[in-house]
Amino acid sequence: MKMARAVRATPCSVAMACEARTHTAARQGLLDTPQALFALVLSPTRELAIQIAEQFEALGAGVGVRTARLVGGIDMMAQAIALGRRPHVLVGTPGRVVDHLSNTKARLGLY
Protein backbone atom coordinates (compact mmCIF):
# COMPACT_ATOMS: atom_id res chain seq x y z
CA MET A 1 0.00 0.00 0.00
CA LYS A 2 1.45 3.34 -1.03
CA MET A 3 0.89 6.45 0.98
CA ALA A 4 0.35 9.72 -0.84
CA ARG A 5 2.10 12.71 0.59
CA ALA A 6 0.76 16.19 0.00
CA VAL A 7 3.37 18.82 -0.59
CA ARG A 8 2.32 22.29 0.34
CA ALA A 9 4.25 25.46 -0.04
CA THR A 10 4.80 27.72 2.89
CA PRO A 11 3.39 31.24 2.56
CA CYS A 12 6.94 32.58 2.75
CA SER A 13 8.22 30.59 -0.22
CA VAL A 14 5.19 31.46 -2.34
CA ALA A 15 5.50 35.13 -1.41
CA MET A 16 9.20 35.13 -2.32
CA ALA A 17 8.52 33.67 -5.76
CA CYS A 18 5.47 35.88 -6.37
CA GLU A 19 7.38 39.03 -5.46
CA ALA A 20 10.15 38.21 -7.92
CA ARG A 21 7.63 37.18 -10.57
CA THR A 22 5.63 40.41 -10.10
CA HIS A 23 8.80 42.46 -10.41
CA THR A 24 9.74 40.53 -13.53
CA ALA A 25 6.32 40.89 -15.09
CA ALA A 26 6.17 44.60 -14.29
CA ARG A 27 9.42 45.27 -16.12
CA GLN A 28 8.83 42.52 -18.69
CA GLY A 29 12.39 41.49 -17.82
CA LEU A 30 12.58 37.85 -18.85
CA LEU A 31 9.85 38.15 -21.46
CA ASP A 32 11.46 40.97 -23.45
CA THR A 33 15.14 40.19 -22.97
CA PRO A 34 15.77 36.69 -21.69
CA GLN A 35 18.94 36.69 -19.67
CA ALA A 36 20.66 34.31 -17.33
CA LEU A 37 21.27 35.11 -13.67
CA PHE A 38 18.29 37.43 -13.28
CA ALA A 39 17.77 36.87 -9.54
CA LEU A 40 19.58 35.39 -6.55
CA VAL A 41 17.56 34.25 -3.54
CA LEU A 42 19.48 33.39 -0.38
CA SER A 43 17.88 31.16 2.21
CA PRO A 44 19.11 30.38 5.73
CA THR A 45 18.35 26.65 5.38
CA ARG A 46 18.55 24.13 2.57
CA GLU A 47 14.98 22.97 3.20
CA LEU A 48 13.63 26.47 2.72
CA ALA A 49 15.84 26.97 -0.36
CA ILE A 50 14.39 23.82 -1.91
CA GLN A 51 10.83 24.99 -1.19
CA ILE A 52 11.52 28.41 -2.68
CA ALA A 53 13.09 26.86 -5.79
CA GLU A 54 10.06 24.59 -6.22
CA GLN A 55 7.78 27.63 -6.10
CA PHE A 56 9.85 29.48 -8.70
CA GLU A 57 9.68 26.40 -10.93
CA ALA A 58 5.91 26.07 -10.49
CA LEU A 59 5.05 29.76 -10.85
CA GLY A 60 7.58 30.42 -13.60
CA ALA A 61 6.77 27.39 -15.75
CA GLY A 62 4.46 29.43 -17.97
CA VAL A 63 7.22 31.82 -19.01
CA GLY A 64 10.06 29.30 -19.08
CA VAL A 65 11.93 30.37 -15.96
CA ARG A 66 14.94 28.14 -15.27
CA THR A 67 16.19 27.73 -11.72
CA ALA A 68 19.27 26.26 -10.05
CA ARG A 69 19.47 25.09 -6.45
CA LEU A 70 22.75 25.73 -4.66
CA VAL A 71 22.54 23.90 -1.35
CA GLY A 72 24.74 21.60 0.67
CA GLY A 73 24.18 17.87 0.46
CA ILE A 74 24.02 17.91 -3.34
CA ASP A 75 27.07 17.19 -5.49
CA MET A 76 28.98 20.37 -6.40
CA MET A 77 29.61 19.06 -9.92
CA ALA A 78 25.88 18.53 -10.54
CA GLN A 79 25.24 22.07 -9.34
CA ALA A 80 28.05 23.43 -11.54
CA ILE A 81 26.44 21.72 -14.52
CA ALA A 82 23.10 23.34 -13.60
CA LEU A 83 24.88 26.71 -13.44
CA GLY A 84 26.36 26.06 -16.86
CA ARG A 85 22.83 25.91 -18.24
CA ARG A 86 22.55 29.63 -17.39
CA PRO A 87 19.47 29.62 -15.11
CA HIS A 88 17.43 32.76 -14.60
CA VAL A 89 17.06 32.31 -10.85
CA LEU A 90 19.60 30.97 -8.36
CA VAL A 91 18.22 29.80 -5.03
CA GLY A 92 20.66 28.70 -2.39
CA THR A 93 22.24 28.88 0.99
CA PRO A 94 24.97 31.46 1.59
CA GLY A 95 27.76 28.93 2.20
CA ARG A 96 27.16 26.98 -0.99
CA VAL A 97 26.75 30.14 -3.07
CA VAL A 98 30.15 31.33 -1.79
CA ASP A 99 31.63 27.91 -2.62
CA HIS A 100 30.44 28.25 -6.20
CA LEU A 101 31.60 31.86 -6.50
CA SER A 102 35.04 30.71 -5.38
CA ASN A 103 35.25 27.55 -7.47
CA THR A 104 33.08 27.89 -10.59
CA LYS A 105 33.62 31.47 -11.76
CA ALA A 106 34.74 30.45 -15.23
CA ARG A 107 31.52 28.53 -15.82
CA LEU A 108 29.45 31.53 -14.79
CA GLY A 109 31.48 34.14 -16.61
CA LEU A 110 31.88 36.18 -13.41
CA TYR A 111 35.52 37.19 -13.73
C-alpha atoms as a PDB file:
ATOM      1  CA  MET A   1       0.000   0.000   0.000  1.00  0.00           C
ATOM      2  CA  LYS A   2       1.449   3.340  -1.033  1.00  0.00           C
ATOM      3  CA  MET A   3       0.891   6.447   0.977  1.00  0.00           C
ATOM      4  CA  ALA A   4       0.349   9.721  -0.845  1.00  0.00           C
ATOM      5  CA  ARG A   5       2.100  12.713   0.593  1.00  0.00           C
ATOM      6  CA  ALA A   6       0.761  16.185   0.001  1.00  0.00           C
ATOM      7  CA  VAL A   7       3.371  18.824  -0.588  1.00  0.00           C
ATOM      8  CA  ARG A   8       2.323  22.290   0.337  1.00  0.00           C
ATOM      9  CA  ALA A   9       4.248  25.462  -0.039  1.00  0.00           C
ATOM     10  CA  THR A  10       4.801  27.724   2.888  1.00  0.00           C
ATOM     11  CA  PRO A  11       3.386  31.236   2.562  1.00  0.00           C
ATOM     12  CA  CYS A  12       6.940  32.585   2.755  1.00  0.00           C
ATOM     13  CA  SER A  13       8.220  30.587  -0.215  1.00  0.00           C
ATOM     14  CA  VAL A  14       5.189  31.457  -2.339  1.00  0.00           C
ATOM     15  CA  ALA A  15       5.501  35.128  -1.414  1.00  0.00           C
ATOM     16  CA  MET A  16       9.201  35.134  -2.323  1.00  0.00           C
ATOM     17  CA  ALA A  17       8.523  33.674  -5.760  1.00  0.00           C
ATOM     18  CA  CYS A  18       5.469  35.878  -6.367  1.00  0.00           C
ATOM     19  CA  GLU A  19       7.384  39.028  -5.465  1.00  0.00           C
ATOM     20  CA  ALA A  20      10.153  38.210  -7.921  1.00  0.00           C
ATOM     21  CA  ARG A  21       7.634  37.181 -10.569  1.00  0.00           C
ATOM     22  CA  THR A  22       5.630  40.406 -10.097  1.00  0.00           C
ATOM     23  CA  HIS A  23       8.800  42.464 -10.410  1.00  0.00           C
ATOM     24  CA  THR A  24       9.743  40.531 -13.529  1.00  0.00           C
ATOM     25  CA  ALA A  25       6.320  40.887 -15.089  1.00  0.00           C
ATOM     26  CA  ALA A  26       6.165  44.605 -14.290  1.00  0.00           C
ATOM     27  CA  ARG A  27       9.419  45.266 -16.115  1.00  0.00           C
ATOM     28  CA  GLN A  28       8.832  42.525 -18.686  1.00  0.00           C
ATOM     29  CA  GLY A  29      12.393  41.487 -17.816  1.00  0.00           C
ATOM     30  CA  LEU A  30      12.579  37.849 -18.853  1.00  0.00           C
ATOM     31  CA  LEU A  31       9.852  38.147 -21.463  1.00  0.00           C
ATOM     32  CA  ASP A  32      11.461  40.966 -23.448  1.00  0.00           C
ATOM     33  CA  THR A  33      15.137  40.188 -22.972  1.00  0.00           C
ATOM     34  CA  PRO A  34      15.766  36.686 -21.694  1.00  0.00           C
ATOM     35  CA  GLN A  35      18.942  36.686 -19.672  1.00  0.00           C
ATOM     36  CA  ALA A  36      20.657  34.312 -17.328  1.00  0.00           C
ATOM     37  CA  LEU A  37      21.267  35.113 -13.667  1.00  0.00           C
ATOM     38  CA  PHE A  38      18.285  37.430 -13.284  1.00  0.00           C
ATOM     39  CA  ALA A  39      17.773  36.870  -9.543  1.00  0.00           C
ATOM     40  CA  LEU A  40      19.575  35.389  -6.553  1.00  0.00           C
ATOM     41  CA  VAL A  41      17.561  34.250  -3.540  1.00  0.00           C
ATOM     42  CA  LEU A  42      19.483  33.392  -0.376  1.00  0.00           C
ATOM     43  CA  SER A  43      17.877  31.160   2.207  1.00  0.00           C
ATOM     44  CA  PRO A  44      19.114  30.377   5.727  1.00  0.00           C
ATOM     45  CA  THR A  45      18.345  26.651   5.380  1.00  0.00           C
ATOM     46  CA  ARG A  46      18.555  24.132   2.571  1.00  0.00           C
ATOM     47  CA  GLU A  47      14.980  22.970   3.202  1.00  0.00           C
ATOM     48  CA  LEU A  48      13.632  26.474   2.717  1.00  0.00           C
ATOM     49  CA  ALA A  49      15.839  26.971  -0.356  1.00  0.00           C
ATOM     50  CA  ILE A  50      14.389  23.817  -1.906  1.00  0.00           C
ATOM     51  CA  GLN A  51      10.832  24.993  -1.186  1.00  0.00           C
ATOM     52  CA  ILE A  52      11.521  28.408  -2.677  1.00  0.00           C
ATOM     53  CA  ALA A  53      13.090  26.861  -5.794  1.00  0.00           C
ATOM     54  CA  GLU A  54      10.056  24.589  -6.216  1.00  0.00           C
ATOM     55  CA  GLN A  55       7.775  27.627  -6.104  1.00  0.00           C
ATOM     56  CA  PHE A  56       9.852  29.476  -8.698  1.00  0.00           C
ATOM     57  CA  GLU A  57       9.675  26.401 -10.928  1.00  0.00           C
ATOM     58  CA  ALA A  58       5.907  26.069 -10.494  1.00  0.00           C
ATOM     59  CA  LEU A  59       5.046  29.760 -10.845  1.00  0.00           C
ATOM     60  CA  GLY A  60       7.579  30.421 -13.603  1.00  0.00           C
ATOM     61  CA  ALA A  61       6.768  27.389 -15.751  1.00  0.00           C
ATOM     62  CA  GLY A  62       4.460  29.429 -17.968  1.00  0.00           C
ATOM     63  CA  VAL A  63       7.220  31.823 -19.014  1.00  0.00           C
ATOM     64  CA  GLY A  64      10.060  29.300 -19.081  1.00  0.00           C
ATOM     65  CA  VAL A  65      11.932  30.371 -15.961  1.00  0.00           C
ATOM     66  CA  ARG A  66      14.937  28.138 -15.273  1.00  0.00           C
ATOM     67  CA  THR A  67      16.191  27.733 -11.716  1.00  0.00           C
ATOM     68  CA  ALA A  68      19.265  26.260 -10.053  1.00  0.00           C
ATOM     69  CA  ARG A  69      19.467  25.092  -6.447  1.00  0.00           C
ATOM     70  CA  LEU A  70      22.750  25.725  -4.663  1.00  0.00           C
ATOM     71  CA  VAL A  71      22.541  23.903  -1.350  1.00  0.00           C
ATOM     72  CA  GLY A  72      24.740  21.602   0.671  1.00  0.00           C
ATOM     73  CA  GLY A  73      24.185  17.868   0.463  1.00  0.00           C
ATOM     74  CA  ILE A  74      24.021  17.910  -3.344  1.00  0.00           C
ATOM     75  CA  ASP A  75      27.067  17.192  -5.487  1.00  0.00           C
ATOM     76  CA  MET A  76      28.984  20.368  -6.395  1.00  0.00           C
ATOM     77  CA  MET A  77      29.607  19.063  -9.920  1.00  0.00           C
ATOM     78  CA  ALA A  78      25.877  18.531 -10.541  1.00  0.00           C
ATOM     79  CA  GLN A  79      25.239  22.074  -9.343  1.00  0.00           C
ATOM     80  CA  ALA A  80      28.048  23.425 -11.538  1.00  0.00           C
ATOM     81  CA  ILE A  81      26.442  21.718 -14.523  1.00  0.00           C
ATOM     82  CA  ALA A  82      23.104  23.336 -13.599  1.00  0.00           C
ATOM     83  CA  LEU A  83      24.883  26.715 -13.435  1.00  0.00           C
ATOM     84  CA  GLY A  84      26.364  26.058 -16.858  1.00  0.00           C
ATOM     85  CA  ARG A  85      22.831  25.915 -18.243  1.00  0.00           C
ATOM     86  CA  ARG A  86      22.552  29.626 -17.387  1.00  0.00           C
ATOM     87  CA  PRO A  87      19.475  29.622 -15.105  1.00  0.00           C
ATOM     88  CA  HIS A  88      17.429  32.758 -14.599  1.00  0.00           C
ATOM     89  CA  VAL A  89      17.063  32.307 -10.845  1.00  0.00           C
ATOM     90  CA  LEU A  90      19.601  30.965  -8.357  1.00  0.00           C
ATOM     91  CA  VAL A  91      18.220  29.795  -5.032  1.00  0.00           C
ATOM     92  CA  GLY A  92      20.659  28.698  -2.386  1.00  0.00           C
ATOM     93  CA  THR A  93      22.244  28.878   0.993  1.00  0.00           C
ATOM     94  CA  PRO A  94      24.973  31.458   1.587  1.00  0.00           C
ATOM     95  CA  GLY A  95      27.760  28.929   2.198  1.00  0.00           C
ATOM     96  CA  ARG A  96      27.157  26.975  -0.990  1.00  0.00           C
ATOM     97  CA  VAL A  97      26.755  30.136  -3.066  1.00  0.00           C
ATOM     98  CA  VAL A  98      30.151  31.329  -1.788  1.00  0.00           C
ATOM     99  CA  ASP A  99      31.633  27.910  -2.618  1.00  0.00           C
ATOM    100  CA  HIS A 100      30.442  28.254  -6.202  1.00  0.00           C
ATOM    101  CA  LEU A 101      31.601  31.857  -6.501  1.00  0.00           C
ATOM    102  CA  SER A 102      35.040  30.711  -5.385  1.00  0.00           C
ATOM    103  CA  ASN A 103      35.250  27.552  -7.470  1.00  0.00           C
ATOM    104  CA  THR A 104      33.083  27.889 -10.589  1.00  0.00           C
ATOM    105  CA  LYS A 105      33.617  31.471 -11.756  1.00  0.00           C
ATOM    106  CA  ALA A 106      34.744  30.449 -15.235  1.00  0.00           C
ATOM    107  CA  ARG A 107      31.525  28.529 -15.815  1.00  0.00           C
ATOM    108  CA  LEU A 108      29.446  31.533 -14.785  1.00  0.00           C
ATOM    109  CA  GLY A 109      31.484  34.140 -16.608  1.00  0.00           C
ATOM    110  CA  LEU A 110      31.880  36.185 -13.411  1.00  0.00           C
ATOM    111  CA  TYR A 111      35.517  37.194 -13.728  1.00  0.00           C
END
